[in-house]
Amino acid sequence: MSKNSKDRGDETEVRVLHELVANGHQVSIPFGDNSKYDLVVDDGDRFYRIQCKTGWVADEGVLQFNTHSQTTRDGAYHETGYEGEIDAFVVRYPEEDTLYWIPIADATSRKMRLRFDAEIDHPSINWAADYEFDGTLPGSRSKAAE
C-alpha cells in the first residue's frame, strides 16, 4: 500500500515522540491541527516547540526537507515559514531511521539540505552528522558540558 504525505508525517511524528519519551523527556501534543508545532518538549527549564518533518534524498549524499508549510486557502497556494513559531525541526530520514535536530536559527528558508558526505569541505555545508539527534536536548547538552 502506498503511503500518502499525511501517513508519512504521522509516522515521523510518532518516531520523534518515541525517541523523546524513551530518553525521559516530558512531551505535550497540541490539540488540533492548527499549531505551527507538532510537539512541545519540557526539559525541566524550558519548553521547545518542535516541528516534525520527513526528509528525502534529493541528490546522492544529501537529505532534504521543507522548512515551510504549504496550504491552500480560497483556492490559492500559500507557503509560510516557521520563524518565531517553533524552536527546532526534528527531521526523520526514513531509509536509515535517523533523526536530526535543527534549531530554527540554523534552518534555511523553504528547503534545507543536510549532507552526509561531499568532495569538498565548505563553511556553507550543513553536515548531517552535526545535527544527528540522540535524544539529548540542546539545553541538556550544555548542562552536561559544564
Foldseek 3Di string as FASTA:
>chain_A
DDDDPVVVQVVQLVLVVCLQVVLPWDKDADPDDPAPAGIWTDPPPDIFGEHEWEWDDPDVQKTKTFQWDWDADPNDIDTDGCVVRGQWYWYAHVVVRWIFTGGPVRDDHGMDMAGCDDPDDDPVHHHRVVGTDNNQDPVNVVVVVD
